[in-house]
Amino acid sequence: MRTVREPAYFKSWLLRILINECNQILRRQKRMVLSEPDPALSASSSEYDMVDVKEAVDRLEDTLRMVVTLYYFEDLPLRQIAELLETTEGTVKSRLHRARLTLAEWLCIPAVERKVGYEG
């Protein structure tokens, strides 16, 4: 097992572990979507839309991707995400908001649809 050499770098070390774990989770979920599509999804473009969303999430900057992954894919509450990242809930909310806007732009989601489901 690898450990941190310098206690001063503990936060960075732990954050890197968290980022790597989030990326692993996303990779596993991509494989699951591609190899075993959910029968509840329609046979139309829904399957492709989910892959597009996950690919778009992968393109986000690290801080945004981490918050999106923890919130949407791991179902962690805002408070717990804030504790994990050693930041405030307000910061987590603003990162989620920025990530949603970026993803909506990348995925060409109209402004009306963006407001649906906003927990802001």
PDB file of N, CA and C in Angstrom:
ATOM      1  N   MET A   1       0.845  -1.193   0.000  1.00  0.00           N
ATOM      2  CA  MET A   1       0.000   0.000   0.000  1.00  0.00           C
ATOM      3  C   MET A   1       0.881   1.244   0.000  1.00  0.00           C
ATOM      4  N   ARG A   2       0.545   2.189  -0.843  1.00  0.00           N
ATOM      5  CA  ARG A   2       1.323   3.416  -0.921  1.00  0.00           C
ATOM      6  C   ARG A   2       0.841   4.401   0.130  1.00  0.00           C
ATOM      7  N   THR A   3       1.771   5.139   0.705  1.00  0.00           N
ATOM      8  CA  THR A   3       1.416   6.112   1.730  1.00  0.00           C
ATOM      9  C   THR A   3       2.031   7.457   1.383  1.00  0.00           C
ATOM     10  N   VAL A   4       1.548   8.469   2.058  1.00  0.00           N
ATOM     11  CA  VAL A   4       2.071   9.817   1.856  1.00  0.00           C
ATOM     12  C   VAL A   4       3.420   9.933   2.561  1.00  0.00           C
ATOM     13  N   ARG A   5       4.367  10.534   1.875  1.00  0.00           N
ATOM     14  CA  ARG A   5       5.714  10.663   2.451  1.00  0.00           C
ATOM     15  C   ARG A   5       5.834  11.896   3.333  1.00  0.00           C
ATOM     16  N   GLU A   6       5.204  12.960   2.907  1.00  0.00           N
ATOM     17  CA  GLU A   6       5.269  14.219   3.648  1.00  0.00           C
ATOM     18  C   GLU A   6       3.879  14.553   4.196  1.00  0.00           C
ATOM     19  N   PRO A   7       3.715  14.672   5.503  1.00  0.00           N
ATOM     20  CA  PRO A   7       2.401  14.998   6.069  1.00  0.00           C
ATOM     21  C   PRO A   7       1.810  16.302   5.519  1.00  0.00           C
ATOM     22  N   ALA A   8       2.645  17.214   5.103  1.00  0.00           N
ATOM     23  CA  ALA A   8       2.157  18.487   4.566  1.00  0.00           C
ATOM     24  C   ALA A   8       1.389  18.289   3.264  1.00  0.00           C
ATOM     25  N   TYR A   9       1.642  17.186   2.563  1.00  0.00           N
ATOM     26  CA  TYR A   9       0.982  16.915   1.286  1.00  0.00           C
ATOM     27  C   TYR A   9      -0.189  15.948   1.422  1.00  0.00           C
ATOM     28  N   PHE A  10      -0.653  15.710   2.646  1.00  0.00           N
ATOM     29  CA  PHE A  10      -1.727  14.750   2.870  1.00  0.00           C
ATOM     30  C   PHE A  10      -2.991  15.108   2.092  1.00  0.00           C
ATOM     31  N   LYS A  11      -3.381  16.378   2.131  1.00  0.00           N
ATOM     32  CA  LYS A  11      -4.599  16.808   1.441  1.00  0.00           C
ATOM     33  C   LYS A  11      -4.492  16.547  -0.060  1.00  0.00           C
ATOM     34  N   SER A  12      -3.387  16.899  -0.659  1.00  0.00           N
ATOM     35  CA  SER A  12      -3.190  16.670  -2.091  1.00  0.00           C
ATOM     36  C   SER A  12      -3.191  15.183  -2.412  1.00  0.00           C
ATOM     37  N   TRP A  13      -2.554  14.411  -1.558  1.00  0.00           N
ATOM     38  CA  TRP A  13      -2.486  12.956  -1.746  1.00  0.00           C
ATOM     39  C   TRP A  13      -3.888  12.345  -1.698  1.00  0.00           C
ATOM     40  N   LEU A  14      -4.673  12.747  -0.692  1.00  0.00           N
ATOM     41  CA  LEU A  14      -6.019  12.236  -0.537  1.00  0.00           C
ATOM     42  C   LEU A  14      -6.912  12.671  -1.699  1.00  0.00           C
ATOM     43  N   LEU A  15      -6.770  13.908  -2.134  1.00  0.00           N
ATOM     44  CA  LEU A  15      -7.549  14.417  -3.257  1.00  0.00           C
ATOM     45  C   LEU A  15      -7.232  13.649  -4.534  1.00  0.00           C
ATOM     46  N   ARG A  16      -5.976  13.332  -4.760  1.00  0.00           N
ATOM     47  CA  ARG A  16      -5.577  12.575  -5.948  1.00  0.00           C
ATOM     48  C   ARG A  16      -6.195  11.172  -5.904  1.00  0.00           C
ATOM     49  N   ILE A  17      -6.230  10.565  -4.718  1.00  0.00           N
ATOM     50  CA  ILE A  17      -6.864   9.248  -4.567  1.00  0.00           C
ATOM     51  C   ILE A  17      -8.343   9.364  -4.914  1.00  0.00           C
ATOM     52  N   LEU A  18      -9.005  10.400  -4.406  1.00  0.00           N
ATOM     53  CA  LEU A  18     -10.425  10.603  -4.670  1.00  0.00           C
ATOM     54  C   LEU A  18     -10.682  10.815  -6.163  1.00  0.00           C
ATOM     55  N   ILE A  19      -9.876  11.610  -6.804  1.00  0.00           N
ATOM     56  CA  ILE A  19     -10.023  11.859  -8.246  1.00  0.00           C
ATOM     57  C   ILE A  19      -9.845  10.559  -9.025  1.00  0.00           C
ATOM     58  N   ASN A  20      -8.833   9.792  -8.683  1.00  0.00           N
ATOM     59  CA  ASN A  20      -8.602   8.521  -9.379  1.00  0.00           C
ATOM     60  C   ASN A  20      -9.763   7.556  -9.175  1.00  0.00           C
ATOM     61  N   GLU A  21     -10.306   7.509  -7.968  1.00  0.00           N
ATOM     62  CA  GLU A  21     -11.456   6.648  -7.697  1.00  0.00           C
ATOM     63  C   GLU A  21     -12.680   7.097  -8.498  1.00  0.00           C
ATOM     64  N   CYS A  22     -12.906   8.392  -8.570  1.00  0.00           N
ATOM     65  CA  CYS A  22     -14.034   8.915  -9.358  1.00  0.00           C
ATOM     66  C   CYS A  22     -13.872   8.549 -10.827  1.00  0.00           C
ATOM     67  N   ASN A  23     -12.670   8.696 -11.345  1.00  0.00           N
ATOM     68  CA  ASN A  23     -12.421   8.340 -12.741  1.00  0.00           C
ATOM     69  C   ASN A  23     -12.636   6.847 -12.972  1.00  0.00           C
ATOM     70  N   GLN A  24     -12.229   6.017 -12.018  1.00  0.00           N
ATOM     71  CA  GLN A  24     -12.452   4.570 -12.134  1.00  0.00           C
ATOM     72  C   GLN A  24     -13.944   4.247 -12.153  1.00  0.00           C
ATOM     73  N   ILE A  25     -14.700   4.904 -11.300  1.00  0.00           N
ATOM     74  CA  ILE A  25     -16.144   4.692 -11.242  1.00  0.00           C
ATOM     75  C   ILE A  25     -16.773   5.063 -12.584  1.00  0.00           C
ATOM     76  N   LEU A  26     -16.372   6.189 -13.136  1.00  0.00           N
ATOM     77  CA  LEU A  26     -16.909   6.606 -14.431  1.00  0.00           C
ATOM     78  C   LEU A  26     -16.561   5.604 -15.527  1.00  0.00           C
ATOM     79  N   ARG A  27     -15.341   5.109 -15.513  1.00  0.00           N
ATOM     80  CA  ARG A  27     -14.945   4.122 -16.522  1.00  0.00           C
ATOM     81  C   ARG A  27     -15.783   2.847 -16.397  1.00  0.00           C
ATOM     82  N   ARG A  28     -16.004   2.393 -15.155  1.00  0.00           N
ATOM     83  CA  ARG A  28     -16.817   1.197 -14.938  1.00  0.00           C
ATOM     84  C   ARG A  28     -18.245   1.417 -15.410  1.00  0.00           C
ATOM     85  N   GLN A  29     -18.790   2.594 -15.126  1.00  0.00           N
ATOM     86  CA  GLN A  29     -20.164   2.879 -15.529  1.00  0.00           C
ATOM     87  C   GLN A  29     -20.276   2.966 -17.043  1.00  0.00           C
ATOM     88  N   LYS A  30     -19.268   3.481 -17.709  1.00  0.00           N
ATOM     89  CA  LYS A  30     -19.274   3.524 -19.170  1.00  0.00           C
ATOM     90  C   LYS A  30     -19.355   2.114 -19.726  1.00  0.00           C
ATOM     91  N   ARG A  31     -18.546   1.228 -19.175  1.00  0.00           N
ATOM     92  CA  ARG A  31     -18.551  -0.160 -19.644  1.00  0.00           C
ATOM     93  C   ARG A  31     -19.906  -0.809 -19.415  1.00  0.00           C
ATOM     94  N   MET A  32     -20.509  -0.542 -18.265  1.00  0.00           N
ATOM     95  CA  MET A  32     -21.813  -1.134 -17.972  1.00  0.00           C
ATOM     96  C   MET A  32     -22.856  -0.632 -18.957  1.00  0.00           C
ATOM     97  N   VAL A  33     -22.838   0.642 -19.261  1.00  0.00           N
ATOM     98  CA  VAL A  33     -23.816   1.202 -20.183  1.00  0.00           C
ATOM     99  C   VAL A  33     -23.625   0.607 -21.569  1.00  0.00           C
ATOM    100  N   LEU A  34     -22.389   0.462 -21.999  1.00  0.00           N
ATOM    101  CA  LEU A  34     -22.130  -0.044 -23.331  1.00  0.00           C
ATOM    102  C   LEU A  34     -22.364  -1.547 -23.444  1.00  0.00           C
ATOM    103  N   SER A  35     -22.036  -2.308 -22.417  1.00  0.00           N
ATOM    104  CA  SER A  35     -22.144  -3.762 -22.526  1.00  0.00           C
ATOM    105  C   SER A  35     -23.522  -4.295 -22.129  1.00  0.00           C
ATOM    106  N   GLU A  36     -24.165  -3.667 -21.165  1.00  0.00           N
ATOM    107  CA  GLU A  36     -25.467  -4.137 -20.711  1.00  0.00           C
ATOM    108  C   GLU A  36     -26.423  -2.962 -20.577  1.00  0.00           C
ATOM    109  N   PRO A  37     -27.048  -2.543 -21.666  1.00  0.00           N
ATOM    110  CA  PRO A  37     -27.968  -1.409 -21.573  1.00  0.00           C
ATOM    111  C   PRO A  37     -29.161  -1.733 -20.674  1.00  0.00           C
ATOM    112  N   ASP A  38     -29.614  -0.748 -19.945  1.00  0.00           N
ATOM    113  CA  ASP A  38     -30.763  -0.890 -19.058  1.00  0.00           C
ATOM    114  C   ASP A  38     -32.021  -1.114 -19.895  1.00  0.00           C
ATOM    115  N   PRO A  39     -32.771  -2.194 -19.650  1.00  0.00           N
ATOM    116  CA  PRO A  39     -33.968  -2.456 -20.449  1.00  0.00           C
ATOM    117  C   PRO A  39     -35.038  -1.379 -20.279  1.00  0.00           C
ATOM    118  N   ALA A  40     -34.964  -0.629 -19.188  1.00  0.00           N
ATOM    119  CA  ALA A  40     -35.945   0.432 -18.974  1.00  0.00           C
ATOM    120  C   ALA A  40     -35.754   1.575 -19.961  1.00  0.00           C
ATOM    121  N   LEU A  41     -34.544   1.694 -20.502  1.00  0.00           N
ATOM    122  CA  LEU A  41     -34.293   2.746 -21.483  1.00  0.00           C
ATOM    123  C   LEU A  41     -34.925   2.359 -22.807  1.00  0.00           C
ATOM    124  N   SER A  42     -35.435   3.342 -23.491  1.00  0.00           N
ATOM    125  CA  SER A  42     -36.019   3.040 -24.793  1.00  0.00           C
ATOM    126  C   SER A  42     -34.911   2.682 -25.771  1.00  0.00           C
ATOM    127  N   ALA A  43     -35.267   2.018 -26.829  1.00  0.00           N
ATOM    128  CA  ALA A  43     -34.282   1.588 -27.816  1.00  0.00           C
ATOM    129  C   ALA A  43     -33.845   2.747 -28.701  1.00  0.00           C
ATOM    130  N   SER A  44     -34.390   3.913 -28.470  1.00  0.00           N
ATOM    131  CA  SER A  44     -34.036   5.072 -29.293  1.00  0.00           C
ATOM    132  C   SER A  44     -32.676   5.619 -28.898  1.00  0.00           C
ATOM    133  N   SER A  45     -32.536   6.905 -28.914  1.00  0.00           N
ATOM    134  CA  SER A  45     -31.243   7.521 -28.659  1.00  0.00           C
ATOM    135  C   SER A  45     -30.928   7.659 -27.171  1.00  0.00           C
ATOM    136  N   SER A  46     -31.793   7.198 -26.267  1.00  0.00           N
ATOM    137  CA  SER A  46     -31.556   7.333 -24.831  1.00  0.00           C
ATOM    138  C   SER A  46     -30.228   6.718 -24.405  1.00  0.00           C
ATOM    139  N   GLU A  47     -29.914   5.554 -24.954  1.00  0.00           N
ATOM    140  CA  GLU A  47     -28.666   4.886 -24.605  1.00  0.00           C
ATOM    141  C   GLU A  47     -27.472   5.735 -25.010  1.00  0.00           C
ATOM    142  N   TYR A  48     -27.575   6.320 -26.175  1.00  0.00           N
ATOM    143  CA  TYR A  48     -26.480   7.154 -26.662  1.00  0.00           C
ATOM    144  C   TYR A  48     -26.388   8.455 -25.883  1.00  0.00           C
ATOM    145  N   ASP A  49     -27.542   8.980 -25.459  1.00  0.00           N
ATOM    146  CA  ASP A  49     -27.548  10.202 -24.667  1.00  0.00           C
ATOM    147  C   ASP A  49     -26.797   9.998 -23.356  1.00  0.00           C
ATOM    148  N   MET A  50     -26.997   8.844 -22.708  1.00  0.00           N
ATOM    149  CA  MET A  50     -26.331   8.568 -21.437  1.00  0.00           C
ATOM    150  C   MET A  50     -24.816   8.497 -21.629  1.00  0.00           C
ATOM    151  N   VAL A  51     -24.387   7.863 -22.709  1.00  0.00           N
ATOM    152  CA  VAL A  51     -22.960   7.789 -23.001  1.00  0.00           C
ATOM    153  C   VAL A  51     -22.422   9.192 -23.254  1.00  0.00           C
ATOM    154  N   ASP A  52     -23.185  10.012 -23.990  1.00  0.00           N
ATOM    155  CA  ASP A  52     -22.768  11.391 -24.250  1.00  0.00           C
ATOM    156  C   ASP A  52     -22.616  12.180 -22.951  1.00  0.00           C
ATOM    157  N   VAL A  53     -23.543  11.985 -22.029  1.00  0.00           N
ATOM    158  CA  VAL A  53     -23.481  12.694 -20.743  1.00  0.00           C
ATOM    159  C   VAL A  53     -22.222  12.291 -19.987  1.00  0.00           C
ATOM    160  N   LYS A  54     -21.945  11.005 -19.916  1.00  0.00           N
ATOM    161  CA  LYS A  54     -20.769  10.550 -19.179  1.00  0.00           C
ATOM    162  C   LYS A  54     -19.479  11.019 -19.840  1.00  0.00           C
ATOM    163  N   GLU A  55     -19.447  11.030 -21.161  1.00  0.00           N
ATOM    164  CA  GLU A  55     -18.269  11.545 -21.856  1.00  0.00           C
ATOM    165  C   GLU A  55     -18.100  13.033 -21.595  1.00  0.00           C
ATOM    166  N   ALA A  56     -19.202  13.764 -21.558  1.00  0.00           N
ATOM    167  CA  ALA A  56     -19.146  15.195 -21.271  1.00  0.00           C
ATOM    168  C   ALA A  56     -18.658  15.430 -19.843  1.00  0.00           C
ATOM    169  N   VAL A  57     -19.140  14.635 -18.903  1.00  0.00           N
ATOM    170  CA  VAL A  57     -18.691  14.760 -17.507  1.00  0.00           C
ATOM    171  C   VAL A  57     -17.178  14.521 -17.436  1.00  0.00           C
ATOM    172  N   ASP A  58     -16.688  13.546 -18.186  1.00  0.00           N
ATOM    173  CA  ASP A  58     -15.251  13.261 -18.201  1.00  0.00           C
ATOM    174  C   ASP A  58     -14.436  14.448 -18.704  1.00  0.00           C
ATOM    175  N   ARG A  59     -15.029  15.292 -19.530  1.00  0.00           N
ATOM    176  CA  ARG A  59     -14.322  16.447 -20.092  1.00  0.00           C
ATOM    177  C   ARG A  59     -14.276  17.634 -19.136  1.00  0.00           C
ATOM    178  N   LEU A  60     -15.083  17.627 -18.079  1.00  0.00           N
ATOM    179  CA  LEU A  60     -15.102  18.733 -17.118  1.00  0.00           C
ATOM    180  C   LEU A  60     -13.759  18.851 -16.414  1.00  0.00           C
ATOM    181  N   GLU A  61     -13.454  20.064 -15.944  1.00  0.00           N
ATOM    182  CA  GLU A  61     -12.236  20.224 -15.145  1.00  0.00           C
ATOM    183  C   GLU A  61     -12.384  19.406 -13.864  1.00  0.00           C
ATOM    184  N   ASP A  62     -11.277  19.041 -13.264  1.00  0.00           N
ATOM    185  CA  ASP A  62     -11.260  18.109 -12.130  1.00  0.00           C
ATOM    186  C   ASP A  62     -12.219  18.490 -11.004  1.00  0.00           C
ATOM    187  N   THR A  63     -12.212  19.758 -10.593  1.00  0.00           N
ATOM    188  CA  THR A  63     -13.050  20.153  -9.454  1.00  0.00           C
ATOM    189  C   THR A  63     -14.532  19.977  -9.764  1.00  0.00           C
ATOM    190  N   LEU A  64     -14.940  20.299 -10.981  1.00  0.00           N
ATOM    191  CA  LEU A  64     -16.346  20.153 -11.365  1.00  0.00           C
ATOM    192  C   LEU A  64     -16.715  18.682 -11.555  1.00  0.00           C
ATOM    193  N   ARG A  65     -15.831  17.933 -12.205  1.00  0.00           N
ATOM    194  CA  ARG A  65     -16.091  16.512 -12.447  1.00  0.00           C
ATOM    195  C   ARG A  65     -16.238  15.755 -11.124  1.00  0.00           C
ATOM    196  N   MET A  66     -15.399  16.086 -10.170  1.00  0.00           N
ATOM    197  CA  MET A  66     -15.436  15.401  -8.887  1.00  0.00           C
ATOM    198  C   MET A  66     -16.768  15.651  -8.176  1.00  0.00           C
ATOM    199  N   VAL A  67     -17.220  16.887  -8.165  1.00  0.00           N
ATOM    200  CA  VAL A  67     -18.479  17.226  -7.497  1.00  0.00           C
ATOM    201  C   VAL A  67     -19.654  16.555  -8.207  1.00  0.00           C
ATOM    202  N   VAL A  68     -19.672  16.591  -9.531  1.00  0.00           N
ATOM    203  CA  VAL A  68     -20.748  15.958 -10.300  1.00  0.00           C
ATOM    204  C   VAL A  68     -20.764  14.451 -10.043  1.00  0.00           C
ATOM    205  N   THR A  69     -19.606  13.842 -10.052  1.00  0.00           N
ATOM    206  CA  THR A  69     -19.514  12.398  -9.831  1.00  0.00           C
ATOM    207  C   THR A  69     -20.019  12.019  -8.441  1.00  0.00           C
ATOM    208  N   LEU A  70     -19.569  12.738  -7.439  1.00  0.00           N
ATOM    209  CA  LEU A  70     -19.986  12.426  -6.073  1.00  0.00           C
ATOM    210  C   LEU A  70     -21.481  12.670  -5.871  1.00  0.00           C
ATOM    211  N   TYR A  71     -21.996  13.734  -6.474  1.00  0.00           N
ATOM    212  CA  TYR A  71     -23.403  14.094  -6.274  1.00  0.00           C
ATOM    213  C   TYR A  71     -24.352  13.210  -7.085  1.00  0.00           C
ATOM    214  N   TYR A  72     -24.084  13.057  -8.365  1.00  0.00           N
ATOM    215  CA  TYR A  72     -25.021  12.342  -9.231  1.00  0.00           C
ATOM    216  C   TYR A  72     -24.757  10.839  -9.338  1.00  0.00           C
ATOM    217  N   PHE A  73     -23.492  10.440  -9.405  1.00  0.00           N
ATOM    218  CA  PHE A  73     -23.195   9.026  -9.594  1.00  0.00           C
ATOM    219  C   PHE A  73     -23.056   8.269  -8.278  1.00  0.00           C
ATOM    220  N   GLU A  74     -22.612   8.962  -7.235  1.00  0.00           N
ATOM    221  CA  GLU A  74     -22.455   8.323  -5.927  1.00  0.00           C
ATOM    222  C   GLU A  74     -23.569   8.696  -4.961  1.00  0.00           C
ATOM    223  N   ASP A  75     -24.447   9.611  -5.345  1.00  0.00           N
ATOM    224  CA  ASP A  75     -25.596  10.032  -4.542  1.00  0.00           C
ATOM    225  C   ASP A  75     -25.217  10.540  -3.149  1.00  0.00           C
ATOM    226  N   LEU A  76     -24.112  11.248  -3.060  1.00  0.00           N
ATOM    227  CA  LEU A  76     -23.718  11.820  -1.772  1.00  0.00           C
ATOM    228  C   LEU A  76     -24.422  13.158  -1.581  1.00  0.00           C
ATOM    229  N   PRO A  77     -24.827  13.469  -0.350  1.00  0.00           N
ATOM    230  CA  PRO A  77     -25.444  14.770  -0.084  1.00  0.00           C
ATOM    231  C   PRO A  77     -24.407  15.891  -0.138  1.00  0.00           C
ATOM    232  N   LEU A  78     -24.872  17.102  -0.364  1.00  0.00           N
ATOM    233  CA  LEU A  78     -23.980  18.258  -0.483  1.00  0.00           C
ATOM    234  C   LEU A  78     -23.079  18.406   0.734  1.00  0.00           C
ATOM    235  N   ARG A  79     -23.638  18.217   1.907  1.00  0.00           N
ATOM    236  CA  ARG A  79     -22.859  18.379   3.145  1.00  0.00           C
ATOM    237  C   ARG A  79     -21.676  17.414   3.185  1.00  0.00           C
ATOM    238  N   GLN A  80     -21.927  16.173   2.803  1.00  0.00           N
ATOM    239  CA  GLN A  80     -20.864  15.163   2.834  1.00  0.00           C
ATOM    240  C   GLN A  80     -19.792  15.462   1.778  1.00  0.00           C
ATOM    241  N   ILE A  81     -20.213  15.934   0.616  1.00  0.00           N
ATOM    242  CA  ILE A  81     -19.250  16.306  -0.428  1.00  0.00           C
ATOM    243  C   ILE A  81     -18.378  17.456   0.075  1.00  0.00           C
ATOM    244  N   ALA A  82     -19.010  18.435   0.703  1.00  0.00           N
ATOM    245  CA  ALA A  82     -18.265  19.576   1.239  1.00  0.00           C
ATOM    246  C   ALA A  82     -17.237  19.119   2.277  1.00  0.00           C
ATOM    247  N   GLU A  83     -17.619  18.179   3.132  1.00  0.00           N
ATOM    248  CA  GLU A  83     -16.690  17.664   4.138  1.00  0.00           C
ATOM    249  C   GLU A  83     -15.524  16.919   3.481  1.00  0.00           C
ATOM    250  N   LEU A  84     -15.839  16.085   2.483  1.00  0.00           N
ATOM    251  CA  LEU A  84     -14.793  15.332   1.790  1.00  0.00           C
ATOM    252  C   LEU A  84     -13.777  16.252   1.114  1.00  0.00           C
ATOM    253  N   LEU A  85     -14.288  17.315   0.516  1.00  0.00           N
ATOM    254  CA  LEU A  85     -13.420  18.232  -0.222  1.00  0.00           C
ATOM    255  C   LEU A  85     -12.879  19.365   0.644  1.00  0.00           C
ATOM    256  N   GLU A  86     -13.258  19.336   1.915  1.00  0.00           N
ATOM    257  CA  GLU A  86     -12.842  20.377   2.862  1.00  0.00           C
ATOM    258  C   GLU A  86     -13.152  21.769   2.328  1.00  0.00           C
ATOM    259  N   THR A  87     -14.409  21.960   1.968  1.00  0.00           N
ATOM    260  CA  THR A  87     -14.884  23.240   1.464  1.00  0.00           C
ATOM    261  C   THR A  87     -16.286  23.472   1.998  1.00  0.00           C
ATOM    262  N   THR A  88     -16.923  24.546   1.587  1.00  0.00           N
ATOM    263  CA  THR A  88     -18.264  24.850   2.081  1.00  0.00           C
ATOM    264  C   THR A  88     -19.325  24.270   1.151  1.00  0.00           C
ATOM    265  N   GLU A  89     -20.540  24.132   1.685  1.00  0.00           N
ATOM    266  CA  GLU A  89     -21.648  23.667   0.854  1.00  0.00           C
ATOM    267  C   GLU A  89     -21.921  24.655  -0.273  1.00  0.00           C
ATOM    268  N   GLY A  90     -21.733  25.931   0.000  1.00  0.00           N
ATOM    269  CA  GLY A  90     -21.936  26.955  -1.024  1.00  0.00           C
ATOM    270  C   GLY A  90     -21.000  26.758  -2.209  1.00  0.00           C
ATOM    271  N   THR A  91     -19.750  26.401  -1.911  1.00  0.00           N
ATOM    272  CA  THR A  91     -18.787  26.142  -2.978  1.00  0.00           C
ATOM    273  C   THR A  91     -19.209  24.927  -3.790  1.00  0.00           C
ATOM    274  N   VAL A  92     -19.670  23.885  -3.110  1.00  0.00           N
ATOM    275  CA  VAL A  92     -20.133  22.677  -3.808  1.00  0.00           C
ATOM    276  C   VAL A  92     -21.322  23.027  -4.699  1.00  0.00           C
ATOM    277  N   LYS A  93     -22.267  23.815  -4.175  1.00  0.00           N
ATOM    278  CA  LYS A  93     -23.433  24.216  -4.968  1.00  0.00           C
ATOM    279  C   LYS A  93     -23.022  25.019  -6.191  1.00  0.00           C
ATOM    280  N   SER A  94     -22.083  25.940  -6.015  1.00  0.00           N
ATOM    281  CA  SER A  94     -21.674  26.757  -7.161  1.00  0.00           C
ATOM    282  C   SER A  94     -20.939  25.913  -8.201  1.00  0.00           C
ATOM    283  N   ARG A  95     -20.155  24.934  -7.753  1.00  0.00           N
ATOM    284  CA  ARG A  95     -19.478  24.049  -8.706  1.00  0.00           C
ATOM    285  C   ARG A  95     -20.489  23.199  -9.466  1.00  0.00           C
ATOM    286  N   LEU A  96     -21.510  22.706  -8.756  1.00  0.00           N
ATOM    287  CA  LEU A  96     -22.569  21.944  -9.420  1.00  0.00           C
ATOM    288  C   LEU A  96     -23.286  22.810 -10.453  1.00  0.00           C
ATOM    289  N   HIS A  97     -23.558  24.048 -10.077  1.00  0.00           N
ATOM    290  CA  HIS A  97     -24.240  24.968 -10.986  1.00  0.00           C
ATOM    291  C   HIS A  97     -23.388  25.217 -12.240  1.00  0.00           C
ATOM    292  N   ARG A  98     -22.098  25.499 -12.033  1.00  0.00           N
ATOM    293  CA  ARG A  98     -21.196  25.726 -13.180  1.00  0.00           C
ATOM    294  C   ARG A  98     -21.099  24.485 -14.049  1.00  0.00           C
ATOM    295  N   ALA A  99     -21.035  23.322 -13.417  1.00  0.00           N
ATOM    296  CA  ALA A  99     -20.945  22.072 -14.172  1.00  0.00           C
ATOM    297  C   ALA A  99     -22.217  21.847 -14.984  1.00  0.00           C
ATOM    298  N   ARG A 100     -23.373  22.104 -14.382  1.00  0.00           N
ATOM    299  CA  ARG A 100     -24.648  21.935 -15.101  1.00  0.00           C
ATOM    300  C   ARG A 100     -24.714  22.849 -16.317  1.00  0.00           C
ATOM    301  N   LEU A 101     -24.311  24.102 -16.125  1.00  0.00           N
ATOM    302  CA  LEU A 101     -24.333  25.045 -17.252  1.00  0.00           C
ATOM    303  C   LEU A 101     -23.398  24.595 -18.366  1.00  0.00           C
ATOM    304  N   THR A 102     -22.209  24.168 -17.997  1.00  0.00           N
ATOM    305  CA  THR A 102     -21.235  23.704 -18.985  1.00  0.00           C
ATOM    306  C   THR A 102     -21.757  22.476 -19.718  1.00  0.00           C
ATOM    307  N   LEU A 103     -22.273  21.513 -18.969  1.00  0.00           N
ATOM    308  CA  LEU A 103     -22.802  20.290 -19.586  1.00  0.00           C
ATOM    309  C   LEU A 103     -23.991  20.601 -20.489  1.00  0.00           C
ATOM    310  N   ALA A 104     -24.867  21.493 -20.049  1.00  0.00           N
ATOM    311  CA  ALA A 104     -26.024  21.859 -20.867  1.00  0.00           C
ATOM    312  C   ALA A 104     -25.579  22.489 -22.178  1.00  0.00           C
ATOM    313  N   GLU A 105     -24.556  23.323 -22.103  1.00  0.00           N
ATOM    314  CA  GLU A 105     -24.031  23.958 -23.320  1.00  0.00           C
ATOM    315  C   GLU A 105     -23.413  22.912 -24.248  1.00  0.00           C
ATOM    316  N   TRP A 106     -22.590  22.035 -23.696  1.00  0.00           N
ATOM    317  CA  TRP A 106     -21.927  21.006 -24.497  1.00  0.00           C
ATOM    318  C   TRP A 106     -22.927  20.041 -25.118  1.00  0.00           C
ATOM    319  N   LEU A 107     -23.993  19.738 -24.380  1.00  0.00           N
ATOM    320  CA  LEU A 107     -24.976  18.763 -24.855  1.00  0.00           C
ATOM    321  C   LEU A 107     -26.142  19.422 -25.587  1.00  0.00           C
ATOM    322  N   CYS A 108     -26.049  20.745 -25.797  1.00  0.00           N
ATOM    323  CA  CYS A 108     -27.073  21.505 -26.530  1.00  0.00           C
ATOM    324  C   CYS A 108     -28.459  21.330 -25.922  1.00  0.00           C
ATOM    325  N   ILE A 109     -28.554  21.505 -24.612  1.00  0.00           N
ATOM    326  CA  ILE A 109     -29.837  21.404 -23.921  1.00  0.00           C
ATOM    327  C   ILE A 109     -30.439  22.806 -23.858  1.00  0.00           C
ATOM    328  N   PRO A 110     -31.679  22.973 -24.345  1.00  0.00           N
ATOM    329  CA  PRO A 110     -32.317  24.299 -24.312  1.00  0.00           C
ATOM    330  C   PRO A 110     -32.463  24.820 -22.885  1.00  0.00           C
ATOM    331  N   ALA A 111     -32.504  26.144 -22.744  1.00  0.00           N
ATOM    332  CA  ALA A 111     -32.578  26.791 -21.430  1.00  0.00           C
ATOM    333  C   ALA A 111     -33.793  26.343 -20.629  1.00  0.00           C
ATOM    334  N   VAL A 112     -34.921  26.075 -21.260  1.00  0.00           N
ATOM    335  CA  VAL A 112     -36.122  25.645 -20.551  1.00  0.00           C
ATOM    336  C   VAL A 112     -35.877  24.315 -19.845  1.00  0.00           C
ATOM    337  N   GLU A 113     -35.220  23.379 -20.516  1.00  0.00           N
ATOM    338  CA  GLU A 113     -34.949  22.076 -19.916  1.00  0.00           C
ATOM    339  C   GLU A 113     -33.923  22.169 -18.801  1.00  0.00           C
ATOM    340  N   ARG A 114     -33.004  23.118 -18.885  1.00  0.00           N
ATOM    341  CA  ARG A 114     -31.959  23.254 -17.873  1.00  0.00           C
ATOM    342  C   ARG A 114     -32.522  23.553 -16.505  1.00  0.00           C
ATOM    343  N   LYS A 115     -33.614  24.309 -16.437  1.00  0.00           N
ATOM    344  CA  LYS A 115     -34.167  24.719 -15.147  1.00  0.00           C
ATOM    345  C   LYS A 115     -34.857  23.561 -14.436  1.00  0.00           C
ATOM    346  N   VAL A 116     -35.279  22.552 -15.156  1.00  0.00           N
ATOM    347  CA  VAL A 116     -35.948  21.405 -14.549  1.00  0.00           C
ATOM    348  C   VAL A 116     -34.932  20.623 -13.723  1.00  0.00           C
ATOM    349  N   GLY A 117     -35.272  20.339 -12.480  1.00  0.00           N
ATOM    350  CA  GLY A 117     -34.411  19.541 -11.625  1.00  0.00           C
ATOM    351  C   GLY A 117     -33.293  20.322 -10.968  1.00  0.00           C
ATOM    352  N   TYR A 118     -33.331  21.651 -11.026  1.00  0.00           N
ATOM    353  CA  TYR A 118     -32.273  22.435 -10.405  1.00  0.00           C
ATOM    354  C   TYR A 118     -32.491  22.460  -8.909  1.00  0.00           C
ATOM    355  N   GLU A 119     -31.475  22.017  -8.141  1.00  0.00           N
ATOM    356  CA  GLU A 119     -31.574  21.966  -6.681  1.00  0.00           C
ATOM    357  C   GLU A 119     -31.018  23.224  -6.029  1.00  0.00           C
ATOM    358  N   GLY A 120     -30.353  24.048  -6.824  1.00  0.00           N
ATOM    359  CA  GLY A 120     -29.683  25.258  -6.476  1.00  0.00           C
ATOM    360  C   GLY A 120     -29.632  25.660  -5.118  1.00  0.00           C
TER     361      GLY A 120
END
